[in-house]
N, C-alpha and C. Protein backbone atom coordinates (compact mmCIF):
# COMPACT_ATOMS: atom_id res chain seq x y z
N MET A 1 71.99 62.46 49.63
CA MET A 1 70.78 61.65 49.52
C MET A 1 71.06 60.66 48.36
N GLN A 2 70.66 59.39 48.53
CA GLN A 2 70.98 58.37 47.57
C GLN A 2 69.81 58.49 46.45
N GLU A 3 70.09 57.80 45.35
CA GLU A 3 69.17 57.98 44.28
C GLU A 3 67.84 57.40 44.64
N ASP A 4 67.67 56.32 45.41
CA ASP A 4 66.41 55.78 45.77
C ASP A 4 65.61 56.78 46.60
N GLU A 5 66.35 57.35 47.47
CA GLU A 5 65.67 58.37 48.46
C GLU A 5 65.18 59.58 47.63
N LEU A 6 66.03 59.86 46.69
CA LEU A 6 65.66 61.14 45.73
C LEU A 6 64.43 60.74 44.96
N ILE A 7 64.29 59.51 44.52
CA ILE A 7 63.17 59.20 43.69
C ILE A 7 61.89 59.04 44.66
N GLU A 8 62.11 58.60 45.81
CA GLU A 8 60.93 58.56 46.89
C GLU A 8 60.48 60.06 47.26
N SER A 9 61.39 60.79 47.48
CA SER A 9 61.16 62.18 47.77
C SER A 9 60.52 62.95 46.61
N ALA A 10 60.92 62.77 45.37
CA ALA A 10 60.38 63.34 44.27
C ALA A 10 58.94 62.98 44.07
N LEU A 11 58.69 61.71 44.28
CA LEU A 11 57.32 61.02 44.23
C LEU A 11 56.56 61.67 45.27
N SER A 12 56.98 62.14 46.30
CA SER A 12 56.18 62.77 47.47
C SER A 12 55.85 64.27 47.10
N GLY A 13 56.57 64.80 46.01
CA GLY A 13 56.34 66.11 45.63
C GLY A 13 57.44 67.04 45.79
N ASN A 14 58.59 66.61 46.24
CA ASN A 14 59.65 67.38 46.63
C ASN A 14 60.37 67.69 45.24
N GLU A 15 60.16 69.02 44.82
CA GLU A 15 60.78 69.51 43.53
C GLU A 15 62.27 69.55 43.62
N PHE A 16 62.86 69.79 44.73
CA PHE A 16 64.30 69.92 44.89
C PHE A 16 64.83 68.45 44.55
N ALA A 17 64.34 67.31 45.01
CA ALA A 17 64.71 65.95 44.58
C ALA A 17 64.60 65.75 43.20
N LEU A 18 63.53 66.28 42.65
CA LEU A 18 63.32 66.02 41.10
C LEU A 18 64.29 66.80 40.37
N ARG A 19 64.76 67.91 40.84
CA ARG A 19 65.88 68.72 40.22
C ARG A 19 67.06 68.14 40.28
N ARG A 20 67.44 67.49 41.46
CA ARG A 20 68.70 66.66 41.69
C ARG A 20 68.93 65.52 40.65
N LEU A 21 67.68 64.86 40.51
CA LEU A 21 67.71 63.67 39.61
C LEU A 21 67.89 64.36 38.15
N HIS A 22 67.18 65.32 37.78
CA HIS A 22 67.41 66.06 36.56
C HIS A 22 68.80 66.38 36.34
N ASP A 23 69.46 66.98 37.28
CA ASP A 23 70.76 67.43 37.15
C ASP A 23 71.77 66.35 37.04
N ALA A 24 71.42 65.26 37.61
CA ALA A 24 72.30 63.95 37.63
C ALA A 24 72.43 63.39 36.29
N TYR A 25 71.37 63.61 35.36
CA TYR A 25 71.34 62.84 34.13
C TYR A 25 71.25 63.76 32.89
N ILE A 26 71.24 65.13 33.11
CA ILE A 26 71.00 65.96 32.01
C ILE A 26 72.11 65.96 31.11
N THR A 27 73.31 65.87 31.42
CA THR A 27 74.45 65.97 30.52
C THR A 27 74.62 64.70 29.67
N GLY A 28 74.49 63.56 30.21
CA GLY A 28 74.52 62.39 29.50
C GLY A 28 73.46 62.27 28.51
N VAL A 29 72.16 62.60 28.97
CA VAL A 29 71.02 62.47 28.07
C VAL A 29 71.15 63.50 26.96
N PHE A 30 71.61 64.69 27.17
CA PHE A 30 71.74 65.75 26.11
C PHE A 30 72.84 65.22 25.12
N ASN A 31 73.90 64.77 25.51
CA ASN A 31 75.02 64.21 24.66
C ASN A 31 74.42 63.16 23.75
N TYR A 32 73.57 62.24 24.40
CA TYR A 32 72.94 61.16 23.61
C TYR A 32 72.03 61.74 22.61
N VAL A 33 71.12 62.73 22.99
CA VAL A 33 70.11 63.31 22.09
C VAL A 33 70.83 64.02 20.96
N ILE A 34 71.84 64.91 21.26
CA ILE A 34 72.37 65.63 20.18
C ILE A 34 73.19 64.72 19.18
N ALA A 35 73.79 63.64 19.66
CA ALA A 35 74.40 62.77 18.81
C ALA A 35 73.44 62.02 17.95
N GLN A 36 72.25 61.83 18.38
CA GLN A 36 71.22 61.14 17.60
C GLN A 36 70.46 62.03 16.66
N THR A 37 70.23 63.36 16.98
CA THR A 37 69.50 64.32 16.15
C THR A 37 70.42 65.11 15.30
N GLN A 38 71.72 65.25 15.77
CA GLN A 38 72.63 66.13 15.00
C GLN A 38 72.18 67.56 14.77
N ASN A 39 71.30 67.98 15.71
CA ASN A 39 70.82 69.31 15.75
C ASN A 39 70.62 69.87 17.07
N ARG A 40 71.28 70.87 17.38
CA ARG A 40 71.27 71.43 18.84
C ARG A 40 69.92 71.91 19.28
N GLN A 41 69.22 72.66 18.44
CA GLN A 41 67.95 73.15 18.83
C GLN A 41 66.85 72.06 18.90
N ASP A 42 66.87 71.06 18.15
CA ASP A 42 65.96 69.99 18.21
C ASP A 42 66.33 69.13 19.56
N ALA A 43 67.68 69.07 19.80
CA ALA A 43 68.07 68.30 20.91
C ALA A 43 67.48 69.01 22.27
N GLU A 44 67.70 70.37 22.28
CA GLU A 44 67.29 71.13 23.43
C GLU A 44 65.76 70.90 23.62
N GLU A 45 64.96 70.90 22.50
CA GLU A 45 63.47 70.69 22.57
C GLU A 45 63.16 69.29 23.21
N LEU A 46 63.90 68.26 22.69
CA LEU A 46 63.69 66.88 23.07
C LEU A 46 64.00 66.79 24.47
N ILE A 47 65.19 67.38 24.89
CA ILE A 47 65.55 67.31 26.34
C ILE A 47 64.39 67.77 27.35
N GLN A 48 63.62 68.89 26.82
CA GLN A 48 62.66 69.20 27.70
C GLN A 48 61.50 68.20 27.62
N ASP A 49 61.25 67.67 26.55
CA ASP A 49 60.13 66.54 26.48
C ASP A 49 60.58 65.36 27.26
N ILE A 50 61.80 64.91 27.26
CA ILE A 50 62.25 63.76 27.97
C ILE A 50 62.16 63.91 29.31
N PHE A 51 62.64 65.10 30.00
CA PHE A 51 62.56 65.28 31.41
C PHE A 51 61.17 65.49 31.97
N TYR A 52 60.27 66.04 30.92
CA TYR A 52 58.93 66.09 31.29
C TYR A 52 58.33 64.79 31.48
N LYS A 53 58.62 63.72 30.63
CA LYS A 53 58.09 62.50 30.68
C LYS A 53 58.63 61.78 31.91
N VAL A 54 60.06 62.09 32.11
CA VAL A 54 60.53 61.46 33.40
C VAL A 54 59.72 61.84 34.63
N ALA A 55 59.48 63.18 34.82
CA ALA A 55 58.78 63.69 35.89
C ALA A 55 57.29 63.10 36.00
N ARG A 56 56.67 63.17 34.79
CA ARG A 56 55.30 62.72 34.84
C ARG A 56 55.13 61.24 34.96
N ASN A 57 56.17 60.46 34.57
CA ASN A 57 55.89 59.05 34.72
C ASN A 57 56.73 58.45 35.77
N LEU A 58 57.41 59.15 36.61
CA LEU A 58 58.22 58.77 37.72
C LEU A 58 57.46 57.67 38.64
N ASP A 59 56.27 57.63 38.78
CA ASP A 59 55.57 56.72 39.52
C ASP A 59 55.45 55.51 38.87
N THR A 60 55.87 55.29 37.51
CA THR A 60 55.81 54.09 36.84
C THR A 60 57.07 53.35 36.77
N PHE A 61 58.15 54.05 37.34
CA PHE A 61 59.44 53.52 37.36
C PHE A 61 59.34 52.24 38.19
N GLN A 62 59.82 51.08 37.53
CA GLN A 62 59.87 49.76 38.20
C GLN A 62 61.35 49.64 38.51
N ARG A 63 61.62 49.24 39.67
CA ARG A 63 63.04 49.06 40.20
C ARG A 63 63.73 47.93 39.77
N ASP A 64 63.31 47.31 38.59
CA ASP A 64 63.91 46.10 38.06
C ASP A 64 65.12 46.35 37.21
N SER A 65 65.35 47.66 36.82
CA SER A 65 66.38 48.13 36.21
C SER A 65 66.77 49.38 36.87
N GLY A 66 68.00 49.95 36.45
CA GLY A 66 68.54 51.22 37.03
C GLY A 66 67.78 52.33 36.56
N PHE A 67 67.74 53.42 37.41
CA PHE A 67 67.06 54.61 36.94
C PHE A 67 67.61 55.17 35.83
N LYS A 68 69.03 55.23 35.73
CA LYS A 68 69.62 55.73 34.50
C LYS A 68 69.22 54.97 33.28
N THR A 69 69.11 53.72 33.34
CA THR A 69 68.70 52.89 32.25
C THR A 69 67.23 53.28 31.85
N TRP A 70 66.28 53.52 32.92
CA TRP A 70 65.00 53.89 32.61
C TRP A 70 64.91 55.20 31.89
N VAL A 71 65.62 56.23 32.43
CA VAL A 71 65.66 57.49 31.73
C VAL A 71 66.30 57.43 30.34
N PHE A 72 67.23 56.77 30.14
CA PHE A 72 67.81 56.59 28.66
C PHE A 72 66.80 55.81 27.78
N ALA A 73 65.95 55.01 28.29
CA ALA A 73 64.92 54.34 27.54
C ALA A 73 63.91 55.27 27.05
N ILE A 74 63.47 56.11 28.04
CA ILE A 74 62.61 57.30 27.73
C ILE A 74 63.20 58.13 26.57
N ALA A 75 64.52 58.54 26.80
CA ALA A 75 65.22 59.39 25.76
C ALA A 75 65.28 58.62 24.40
N ARG A 76 65.53 57.41 24.41
CA ARG A 76 65.62 56.69 23.14
C ARG A 76 64.20 56.60 22.50
N ASN A 77 63.22 56.36 23.19
CA ASN A 77 61.93 56.36 22.58
C ASN A 77 61.54 57.82 21.99
N THR A 78 61.92 58.88 22.78
CA THR A 78 61.63 60.10 22.39
C THR A 78 62.35 60.51 21.10
N VAL A 79 63.53 59.98 21.05
CA VAL A 79 64.24 60.25 19.77
C VAL A 79 63.78 59.46 18.62
N LEU A 80 63.28 58.20 18.91
CA LEU A 80 62.70 57.48 17.78
C LEU A 80 61.42 58.13 17.26
N ASP A 81 60.60 58.73 18.14
CA ASP A 81 59.43 59.42 17.74
C ASP A 81 59.89 60.66 16.92
N TYR A 82 60.87 61.34 17.38
CA TYR A 82 61.39 62.54 16.56
C TYR A 82 61.79 62.05 15.16
N HIS A 83 62.44 60.99 15.05
CA HIS A 83 62.84 60.50 13.65
C HIS A 83 61.66 60.06 12.81
N ARG A 84 60.69 59.42 13.47
CA ARG A 84 59.44 59.01 12.84
C ARG A 84 58.72 60.13 12.18
N THR A 85 58.56 61.28 13.06
CA THR A 85 57.83 62.37 12.56
C THR A 85 58.53 63.47 11.76
N ALA A 86 59.81 63.17 11.72
CA ALA A 86 60.65 64.26 10.90
C ALA A 86 61.46 63.57 9.94
N THR A 87 61.04 62.67 9.16
CA THR A 87 61.74 61.83 8.27
C THR A 87 62.49 62.77 7.06
N LYS A 88 61.71 63.92 6.84
CA LYS A 88 62.17 64.85 5.79
C LYS A 88 63.25 65.81 6.27
N ARG A 89 63.47 65.78 7.68
CA ARG A 89 64.60 66.67 8.20
C ARG A 89 65.93 66.03 7.93
N LYS A 90 66.88 66.78 7.40
CA LYS A 90 68.10 66.30 7.13
C LYS A 90 68.97 66.18 8.28
N ARG A 91 69.76 65.07 8.33
CA ARG A 91 70.60 64.87 9.66
C ARG A 91 72.19 65.29 9.35
N HIS A 92 72.46 66.40 8.62
CA HIS A 92 73.82 66.48 8.32
C HIS A 92 74.48 67.50 9.23
N VAL A 93 73.72 68.30 10.04
CA VAL A 93 74.43 69.18 10.97
C VAL A 93 75.29 68.58 12.01
N LEU A 94 76.40 68.71 12.12
CA LEU A 94 77.28 68.03 13.05
C LEU A 94 77.34 68.82 14.44
N MET A 95 77.68 67.93 15.41
CA MET A 95 77.85 68.44 16.76
C MET A 95 78.92 69.63 16.74
N ASP A 96 78.51 70.62 17.54
CA ASP A 96 79.59 71.82 17.71
C ASP A 96 80.87 71.25 18.29
N SER A 97 81.94 71.75 17.70
CA SER A 97 83.31 71.44 18.10
C SER A 97 83.44 71.62 19.50
N GLU A 98 82.77 72.63 20.10
CA GLU A 98 82.93 73.01 21.52
C GLU A 98 82.44 71.87 22.33
N GLU A 99 81.21 71.23 21.94
CA GLU A 99 80.64 70.05 22.56
C GLU A 99 81.67 68.88 22.52
N LEU A 100 82.37 68.67 21.35
CA LEU A 100 83.33 67.62 21.34
C LEU A 100 84.57 67.70 22.16
N VAL A 101 84.90 68.98 22.16
CA VAL A 101 86.22 69.25 23.10
C VAL A 101 85.81 69.14 24.41
N ARG A 102 84.57 69.46 24.90
CA ARG A 102 84.26 69.34 26.33
C ARG A 102 84.25 67.77 26.62
N MET A 103 83.76 66.95 25.74
CA MET A 103 83.58 65.52 26.00
C MET A 103 85.06 64.73 26.01
N MET A 104 86.03 65.40 25.45
CA MET A 104 87.44 64.76 25.22
C MET A 104 88.29 64.99 26.66
N PRO A 105 89.18 63.99 26.86
CA PRO A 105 90.09 64.22 27.94
C PRO A 105 91.00 65.45 27.70
N VAL A 106 91.43 65.97 28.70
CA VAL A 106 92.39 67.15 28.59
C VAL A 106 93.80 66.59 28.11
N THR A 107 94.47 67.32 27.14
CA THR A 107 95.81 67.04 26.68
C THR A 107 96.74 68.10 27.18
N ASP A 108 97.97 67.89 26.70
CA ASP A 108 99.00 68.82 27.19
C ASP A 108 99.02 70.17 26.45
N SER A 109 98.74 70.00 25.20
CA SER A 109 98.84 71.32 24.28
C SER A 109 97.50 71.62 23.53
N ALA A 110 97.55 72.92 23.22
CA ALA A 110 96.23 73.34 22.49
C ALA A 110 96.34 72.75 21.06
N GLU A 111 97.47 72.51 20.56
CA GLU A 111 97.59 71.99 19.14
C GLU A 111 97.02 70.49 19.21
N GLU A 112 97.36 69.75 20.14
CA GLU A 112 96.86 68.38 20.29
C GLU A 112 95.40 68.29 20.50
N GLU A 113 94.89 69.35 21.29
CA GLU A 113 93.53 69.29 21.44
C GLU A 113 92.69 69.70 20.18
N MET A 114 93.22 70.54 19.32
CA MET A 114 92.59 70.92 18.12
C MET A 114 92.62 69.73 17.12
N ILE A 115 93.64 69.02 17.20
CA ILE A 115 93.88 67.78 16.34
C ILE A 115 92.86 66.69 16.71
N LYS A 116 92.84 66.48 18.09
CA LYS A 116 91.84 65.50 18.60
C LYS A 116 90.38 65.93 18.37
N ALA A 117 90.07 67.27 18.47
CA ALA A 117 88.72 67.75 18.20
C ALA A 117 88.35 67.53 16.69
N ASP A 118 89.32 67.81 15.83
CA ASP A 118 89.08 67.50 14.39
C ASP A 118 88.80 66.00 14.07
N GLU A 119 89.72 65.20 14.64
CA GLU A 119 89.41 63.68 14.62
C GLU A 119 88.19 63.31 15.13
N MET A 120 87.76 63.81 16.44
CA MET A 120 86.60 63.43 17.07
C MET A 120 85.37 63.87 16.13
N GLN A 121 85.48 65.06 15.42
CA GLN A 121 84.45 65.62 14.63
C GLN A 121 84.17 64.62 13.47
N GLU A 122 85.38 64.16 12.92
CA GLU A 122 85.23 63.04 11.90
C GLU A 122 84.59 61.79 12.21
N VAL A 123 84.93 61.34 13.48
CA VAL A 123 84.45 60.10 13.96
C VAL A 123 83.01 60.33 14.26
N MET A 124 82.50 61.41 14.76
CA MET A 124 81.10 61.67 14.99
C MET A 124 80.31 61.73 13.84
N ALA A 125 80.89 62.31 12.76
CA ALA A 125 80.21 62.31 11.44
C ALA A 125 80.14 61.08 10.79
N MET A 126 81.10 60.14 11.01
CA MET A 126 80.99 58.88 10.55
C MET A 126 79.86 58.04 11.31
N ILE A 127 79.93 58.21 12.63
CA ILE A 127 78.80 57.52 13.34
C ILE A 127 77.40 57.95 13.03
N ALA A 128 77.36 59.29 12.74
CA ALA A 128 76.06 59.86 12.32
C ALA A 128 75.61 59.31 11.08
N SER A 129 76.54 59.02 10.15
CA SER A 129 76.22 58.52 8.80
C SER A 129 75.77 57.12 8.80
N LEU A 130 75.91 56.34 10.05
CA LEU A 130 75.49 54.91 9.96
C LEU A 130 74.09 54.77 10.19
N PRO A 131 73.50 53.64 10.04
CA PRO A 131 72.13 53.49 10.27
C PRO A 131 71.85 53.85 11.79
N GLU A 132 70.56 54.27 12.03
CA GLU A 132 70.12 54.74 13.37
C GLU A 132 70.54 53.64 14.43
N ALA A 133 70.21 52.48 14.27
CA ALA A 133 70.49 51.50 15.31
C ALA A 133 72.07 51.36 15.69
N TYR A 134 72.81 51.50 14.51
CA TYR A 134 74.22 51.33 14.76
C TYR A 134 74.83 52.59 15.54
N SER A 135 74.25 53.88 15.18
CA SER A 135 74.71 54.92 15.80
C SER A 135 74.24 54.86 17.27
N THR A 136 73.08 54.30 17.60
CA THR A 136 72.60 54.32 18.91
C THR A 136 73.28 53.32 19.71
N VAL A 137 73.61 52.15 19.27
CA VAL A 137 74.32 51.16 20.06
C VAL A 137 75.74 51.70 20.39
N LEU A 138 76.36 52.44 19.31
CA LEU A 138 77.71 52.81 19.59
C LEU A 138 77.74 53.90 20.64
N HIS A 139 76.66 54.71 20.63
CA HIS A 139 76.74 55.86 21.50
C HIS A 139 76.40 55.30 23.01
N LEU A 140 75.37 54.55 23.09
CA LEU A 140 75.12 53.92 24.31
C LEU A 140 76.33 53.17 25.11
N ARG A 141 76.84 52.31 24.25
CA ARG A 141 78.09 51.40 24.68
C ARG A 141 79.34 52.16 24.97
N ILE A 142 79.68 52.93 23.99
CA ILE A 142 81.04 53.63 24.02
C ILE A 142 81.10 55.03 24.66
N ILE A 143 80.13 55.88 24.42
CA ILE A 143 80.13 57.22 24.85
C ILE A 143 79.48 57.24 26.43
N GLU A 144 78.32 56.60 26.41
CA GLU A 144 77.64 56.62 27.75
C GLU A 144 78.06 55.49 28.67
N ASP A 145 78.95 54.48 28.07
CA ASP A 145 79.36 53.33 28.86
C ASP A 145 78.40 52.52 29.58
N PHE A 146 77.27 52.34 28.94
CA PHE A 146 76.29 51.50 29.51
C PHE A 146 76.72 50.00 29.21
N SER A 147 76.26 49.07 30.12
CA SER A 147 76.68 47.68 29.97
C SER A 147 75.76 47.15 28.78
N VAL A 148 76.07 45.87 28.33
CA VAL A 148 75.44 45.35 27.27
C VAL A 148 73.92 45.08 27.79
N LYS A 149 73.70 44.59 29.04
CA LYS A 149 72.46 44.56 29.51
C LYS A 149 71.63 45.80 29.62
N GLU A 150 72.29 46.71 30.03
CA GLU A 150 71.57 48.16 30.14
C GLU A 150 71.12 48.68 28.77
N THR A 151 72.10 48.45 27.86
CA THR A 151 71.84 48.81 26.46
C THR A 151 70.67 48.12 25.85
N ALA A 152 70.67 46.89 26.16
CA ALA A 152 69.47 45.93 25.61
C ALA A 152 68.17 46.50 26.27
N ALA A 153 68.23 46.77 27.43
CA ALA A 153 66.91 47.33 28.15
C ALA A 153 66.44 48.68 27.42
N ILE A 154 67.51 49.52 27.11
CA ILE A 154 67.14 50.78 26.49
C ILE A 154 66.68 50.62 25.11
N MET A 155 67.31 49.70 24.43
CA MET A 155 66.97 49.52 22.99
C MET A 155 65.85 48.47 22.73
N LYS A 156 65.35 47.86 23.82
CA LYS A 156 64.34 46.84 23.80
C LYS A 156 64.71 45.70 22.99
N LYS A 157 66.10 45.21 23.21
CA LYS A 157 66.51 44.06 22.41
C LYS A 157 67.21 43.16 23.45
N SER A 158 67.44 41.91 23.05
CA SER A 158 68.11 41.09 23.97
C SER A 158 69.58 41.28 23.97
N PRO A 159 70.31 40.96 25.06
CA PRO A 159 71.72 41.27 25.08
C PRO A 159 72.43 40.60 23.93
N LEU A 160 72.00 39.51 23.47
CA LEU A 160 72.70 38.85 22.35
C LEU A 160 72.51 39.73 21.07
N ALA A 161 71.32 40.25 20.87
CA ALA A 161 71.06 41.07 19.78
C ALA A 161 71.98 42.35 19.77
N VAL A 162 72.13 43.01 21.09
CA VAL A 162 72.85 44.12 21.20
C VAL A 162 74.39 43.83 20.83
N LYS A 163 74.87 42.64 21.19
CA LYS A 163 76.21 42.29 21.00
C LYS A 163 76.40 42.14 19.47
N ALA A 164 75.49 41.62 18.77
CA ALA A 164 75.59 41.36 17.36
C ALA A 164 75.52 42.72 16.65
N LEU A 165 74.53 43.53 17.07
CA LEU A 165 74.43 44.88 16.47
C LEU A 165 75.70 45.69 16.78
N LEU A 166 76.25 45.65 17.92
CA LEU A 166 77.54 46.31 18.30
C LEU A 166 78.66 45.93 17.19
N TYR A 167 78.69 44.61 17.12
CA TYR A 167 79.69 44.06 16.24
C TYR A 167 79.62 44.71 14.90
N ARG A 168 78.38 44.59 14.22
CA ARG A 168 78.09 45.08 12.90
C ARG A 168 78.36 46.55 12.80
N ALA A 169 78.03 47.37 13.87
CA ALA A 169 78.12 48.78 13.94
C ALA A 169 79.60 49.09 13.94
N ARG A 170 80.46 48.36 14.80
CA ARG A 170 81.84 48.66 14.73
C ARG A 170 82.51 48.31 13.44
N LYS A 171 82.09 47.21 12.82
CA LYS A 171 82.60 46.85 11.47
C LYS A 171 82.27 47.84 10.42
N ALA A 172 80.91 48.34 10.43
CA ALA A 172 80.58 49.33 9.46
C ALA A 172 81.34 50.71 9.75
N LEU A 173 81.59 51.07 11.03
CA LEU A 173 82.32 52.27 11.32
C LEU A 173 83.80 52.11 10.84
N ALA A 174 84.40 50.90 11.13
CA ALA A 174 85.75 50.66 10.66
C ALA A 174 85.93 50.72 9.10
N SER A 175 84.92 50.14 8.45
CA SER A 175 84.93 50.19 6.96
C SER A 175 84.74 51.65 6.37
N ASN A 176 83.92 52.45 7.14
CA ASN A 176 83.77 53.91 6.73
C ASN A 176 85.11 54.60 6.93
N TYR A 177 85.84 54.31 8.09
CA TYR A 177 87.01 54.85 8.43
C TYR A 177 88.14 54.49 7.37
N GLU A 178 88.22 53.42 6.97
CA GLU A 178 89.15 52.93 6.05
C GLU A 178 88.97 53.57 4.57
N ARG A 179 87.57 53.63 4.24
CA ARG A 179 87.24 54.37 2.97
C ARG A 179 87.80 55.85 3.11
N GLU A 180 87.55 56.49 4.27
CA GLU A 180 87.95 57.71 4.51
C GLU A 180 89.40 58.08 4.31
N VAL A 181 90.16 57.13 5.09
CA VAL A 181 91.55 57.21 5.04
C VAL A 181 92.21 56.97 3.46
N MET A 182 91.52 56.03 2.74
CA MET A 182 91.94 55.78 1.48
C MET A 182 91.75 56.96 0.51
N ASN A 183 90.75 57.69 0.74
CA ASN A 183 90.29 58.88 -0.12
C ASN A 183 91.11 60.10 0.19
N GLU A 184 91.88 60.13 1.25
CA GLU A 184 92.67 61.25 1.62
C GLU A 184 93.95 61.33 0.88
């Protein structure tokens, strides 16, 4: 069944179609949410909220953007609400190494995988230390592979603003990386 057919079927009350839509996006949305919250328990709770909102608001989906873009816009708004209501919560808990290894391509040796997992952990920590807009744009463009136009729709910015934000985010990440290397 194509995505449009699944959406129509879900709108008609077909729970199986809704489940298939959920299954198609759960991994990507979860990876985005955990990268933004840096807390697995909070991410799991937010995922439930996000997919509840997707199911409840499915009839408001306008087909002027892709369904994935719409789902990630809901995820981003939910994460923003999370940060607004939890400003006292510390964001220093890093993503589990197992999550990072699962996201990485397979290499030839276990030693190489461990080295890459350590490097990925450091990069994720650096991204998490950036301002929220920077970490969001980097995650959407690099990890989720959204286009500039899709990222702009999710972040409610113009494509030009996303390009500028991405440039500044990459520059800040590179600067943090250079500082980290100099301190070793």
